[in-house]
Amino acid sequence: MSTTSVPVDRERFRNVLGHVPTGVVVITATGEGRRPMGMAVGSFTSVSLDPPLVAFLPAMSSTTFPAIWRSGSFCANVLGADQEQLSRRFAVSGGDKFQGVGWRSAASGSPVIDDVIAWIDCDIEQVTEAGDHYLVLGRVTGLEEERWSSPLLFFRSGYHRIASS
């Protein structure tokens, strides 16, 4: 078997992998002074049932993730199809992303954003470098389904919704 690797063009990689739809999740935590912080990710996934583990992959260049890591816990807020503007708010760097956004604390203290379709509260179990991202493994400590809605999806560089059949 050949082990010769061919360099992969970054744009081609992005374009081809853009054909894989992802759910949109806002990862939240509290920082110094219990100040809420958060970031949108499209890389959230279930990992294990026993023990209950989930994962997400923030970019190493993220300015928000280091503070989430220091907090030791996070809450994954699953966005509904009607929450594109909320996703856009948390996808930008800087500013007070929580201004005008209602939330309550999960058991960890991490924000559960009002009106999300589900949330998963976690302790950070492990953080591993993975190329230009981190792989963050979270041990689930609490979770809840809040309301029924189609999820907000990201596909081919844009937001989408599941069409009803």
Protein backbone atom coordinates (compact mmCIF):
# COMPACT_ATOMS: atom_id res chain seq x y z
CA MET A 1 0.00 0.00 0.00
CA SER A 2 1.36 3.43 -0.94
CA THR A 3 1.88 6.01 1.81
CA THR A 4 2.67 8.86 -0.55
CA SER A 5 0.51 11.84 0.30
CA VAL A 6 -0.48 14.57 -2.08
CA PRO A 7 -0.85 18.13 -0.76
CA VAL A 8 -4.50 19.15 -0.52
CA ASP A 9 -5.44 22.64 -1.68
CA ARG A 10 -7.10 24.59 1.19
CA GLU A 11 -9.89 26.05 -0.96
CA ARG A 12 -10.70 22.68 -2.50
CA PHE A 13 -10.75 21.15 0.99
CA ARG A 14 -13.19 23.84 2.22
CA ASN A 15 -15.41 23.53 -0.84
CA VAL A 16 -15.63 19.73 -0.76
CA LEU A 17 -16.16 19.53 3.03
CA GLY A 18 -18.75 22.30 2.74
CA HIS A 19 -21.04 19.62 1.30
CA VAL A 20 -21.32 18.09 4.78
CA PRO A 21 -24.20 19.81 6.61
CA THR A 22 -23.60 20.73 10.23
CA GLY A 23 -25.89 21.78 13.04
CA VAL A 24 -25.28 25.20 14.58
CA VAL A 25 -24.54 25.33 18.30
CA VAL A 26 -23.55 28.21 20.57
CA ILE A 27 -20.97 27.16 23.17
CA THR A 28 -21.31 29.27 26.33
CA ALA A 29 -19.48 29.64 29.63
CA THR A 30 -18.92 32.25 32.30
CA GLY A 31 -15.65 34.07 32.79
CA GLU A 32 -14.26 36.42 35.39
CA GLY A 33 -16.98 38.06 37.45
CA ARG A 34 -19.50 35.49 36.14
CA ARG A 35 -19.56 37.39 32.84
CA PRO A 36 -21.27 35.31 30.10
CA MET A 37 -19.34 34.50 26.94
CA GLY A 38 -20.06 32.41 23.89
CA MET A 39 -19.11 31.35 20.39
CA ALA A 40 -20.97 29.72 17.49
CA VAL A 41 -19.63 26.40 16.23
CA GLY A 42 -20.62 24.00 13.47
CA SER A 43 -18.47 21.18 14.79
CA PHE A 44 -20.47 19.81 17.72
CA THR A 45 -20.99 16.05 17.96
CA SER A 46 -21.98 13.23 20.26
CA VAL A 47 -19.00 11.02 21.16
CA SER A 48 -20.02 8.38 23.71
CA LEU A 49 -23.05 7.14 25.64
CA ASP A 50 -21.03 5.51 28.44
CA PRO A 51 -19.65 7.75 29.73
CA PRO A 52 -21.77 10.53 28.19
CA LEU A 53 -19.32 12.60 26.12
CA VAL A 54 -19.66 15.27 23.44
CA ALA A 55 -17.07 17.25 21.48
CA PHE A 56 -16.57 20.46 19.55
CA LEU A 57 -13.64 21.90 17.61
CA PRO A 58 -12.83 25.60 18.09
CA ALA A 59 -10.14 27.22 15.96
CA MET A 60 -6.84 27.85 17.73
CA SER A 61 -7.22 31.47 16.60
CA SER A 62 -10.44 31.87 18.63
CA THR A 63 -10.26 34.72 21.14
CA THR A 64 -13.23 33.32 23.10
CA PHE A 65 -12.19 29.68 23.53
CA PRO A 66 -9.23 30.28 25.90
CA ALA A 67 -11.60 31.85 28.46
CA ILE A 68 -14.09 28.98 28.02
CA TRP A 69 -11.25 26.51 28.59
CA ARG A 70 -10.18 28.34 31.77
CA SER A 71 -13.76 28.18 33.08
CA GLY A 72 -13.57 24.36 33.08
CA SER A 73 -17.11 23.88 31.79
CA PHE A 74 -19.41 24.85 28.93
CA CYS A 75 -22.99 24.58 27.75
CA ALA A 76 -23.81 23.66 24.16
CA ASN A 77 -26.96 25.53 23.08
CA VAL A 78 -28.57 23.90 20.01
CA LEU A 79 -30.11 26.53 17.75
CA GLY A 80 -33.43 26.19 15.95
CA ALA A 81 -34.10 27.07 12.32
CA ASP A 82 -35.53 30.43 13.45
CA GLN A 83 -32.33 31.50 15.24
CA GLU A 84 -30.01 32.46 12.39
CA GLN A 85 -29.53 36.01 13.76
CA LEU A 86 -28.50 34.57 17.13
CA SER A 87 -25.91 32.41 15.38
CA ARG A 88 -24.56 35.41 13.47
CA ARG A 89 -24.28 37.38 16.73
CA PHE A 90 -22.15 34.66 18.34
CA ALA A 91 -20.09 34.00 15.17
CA VAL A 92 -18.35 37.39 15.29
CA SER A 93 -15.31 38.22 17.35
CA GLY A 94 -15.48 40.75 20.16
CA GLY A 95 -18.30 42.85 21.55
CA ASP A 96 -20.95 41.98 24.10
CA LYS A 97 -22.64 39.05 22.40
CA PHE A 98 -25.12 38.67 25.26
CA GLN A 99 -26.49 42.23 25.08
CA GLY A 100 -30.27 41.81 24.80
CA VAL A 101 -30.04 37.99 24.90
CA GLY A 102 -31.99 36.27 27.68
CA TRP A 103 -30.41 33.37 29.52
CA ARG A 104 -30.31 31.43 32.76
CA SER A 105 -27.53 29.46 34.42
CA ALA A 106 -27.11 25.73 34.00
CA ALA A 107 -25.78 23.81 37.03
CA SER A 108 -22.21 24.59 35.90
CA GLY A 109 -23.01 28.30 35.78
CA SER A 110 -22.73 28.33 31.99
CA PRO A 111 -25.51 30.22 30.18
CA VAL A 112 -28.50 28.38 28.76
CA ILE A 113 -29.77 30.78 26.10
CA ASP A 114 -33.52 31.42 26.12
CA ASP A 115 -35.57 29.60 23.47
CA VAL A 116 -32.87 27.21 22.18
CA ILE A 117 -34.19 23.82 21.10
CA ALA A 118 -31.91 21.88 23.45
CA TRP A 119 -28.88 22.37 25.71
CA ILE A 120 -26.09 20.15 26.98
CA ASP A 121 -24.11 21.22 30.08
CA CYS A 122 -20.58 19.79 30.33
CA ASP A 123 -17.35 19.73 32.27
CA ILE A 124 -14.27 19.96 30.07
CA GLU A 125 -12.74 16.49 30.15
CA GLN A 126 -9.87 16.94 27.69
CA VAL A 127 -8.50 19.42 25.15
CA THR A 128 -6.23 18.13 22.39
CA GLU A 129 -4.50 19.98 19.56
CA ALA A 130 -5.85 18.89 16.17
CA GLY A 131 -4.17 20.76 13.32
CA ASP A 132 -5.29 24.40 13.47
CA HIS A 133 -8.13 23.55 15.88
CA TYR A 134 -8.57 22.11 19.35
CA LEU A 135 -10.63 18.99 19.97
CA VAL A 136 -12.60 19.67 23.15
CA LEU A 137 -14.12 16.66 24.89
CA GLY A 138 -16.91 17.44 27.35
CA ARG A 139 -18.42 15.14 29.97
CA VAL A 140 -22.18 15.72 30.02
CA THR A 141 -23.49 16.73 33.45
CA GLY A 142 -26.96 17.88 32.43
CA LEU A 143 -29.10 18.27 29.33
CA GLU A 144 -32.62 19.14 28.29
CA GLU A 145 -34.83 19.41 25.24
CA GLU A 146 -36.53 22.83 25.44
CA ARG A 147 -38.87 23.00 22.44
CA TRP A 148 -39.54 21.28 19.14
CA SER A 149 -38.10 22.95 16.08
CA SER A 150 -36.12 22.03 13.02
CA PRO A 151 -32.42 22.70 13.65
CA LEU A 152 -30.45 25.54 12.11
CA LEU A 153 -28.03 24.01 9.60
CA PHE A 154 -24.90 25.32 7.93
CA PHE A 155 -24.24 23.92 4.45
CA ARG A 156 -22.11 25.15 1.52
CA SER A 157 -21.23 28.44 3.23
CA GLY A 158 -24.79 29.37 4.17
CA TYR A 159 -27.60 28.82 6.68
CA HIS A 160 -30.35 26.34 5.80
CA ARG A 161 -33.40 24.67 7.27
CA ILE A 162 -34.77 21.19 6.85
CA ALA A 163 -37.66 21.28 4.37
CA SER A 164 -40.90 19.65 5.51
CA SER A 165 -41.99 16.65 3.50
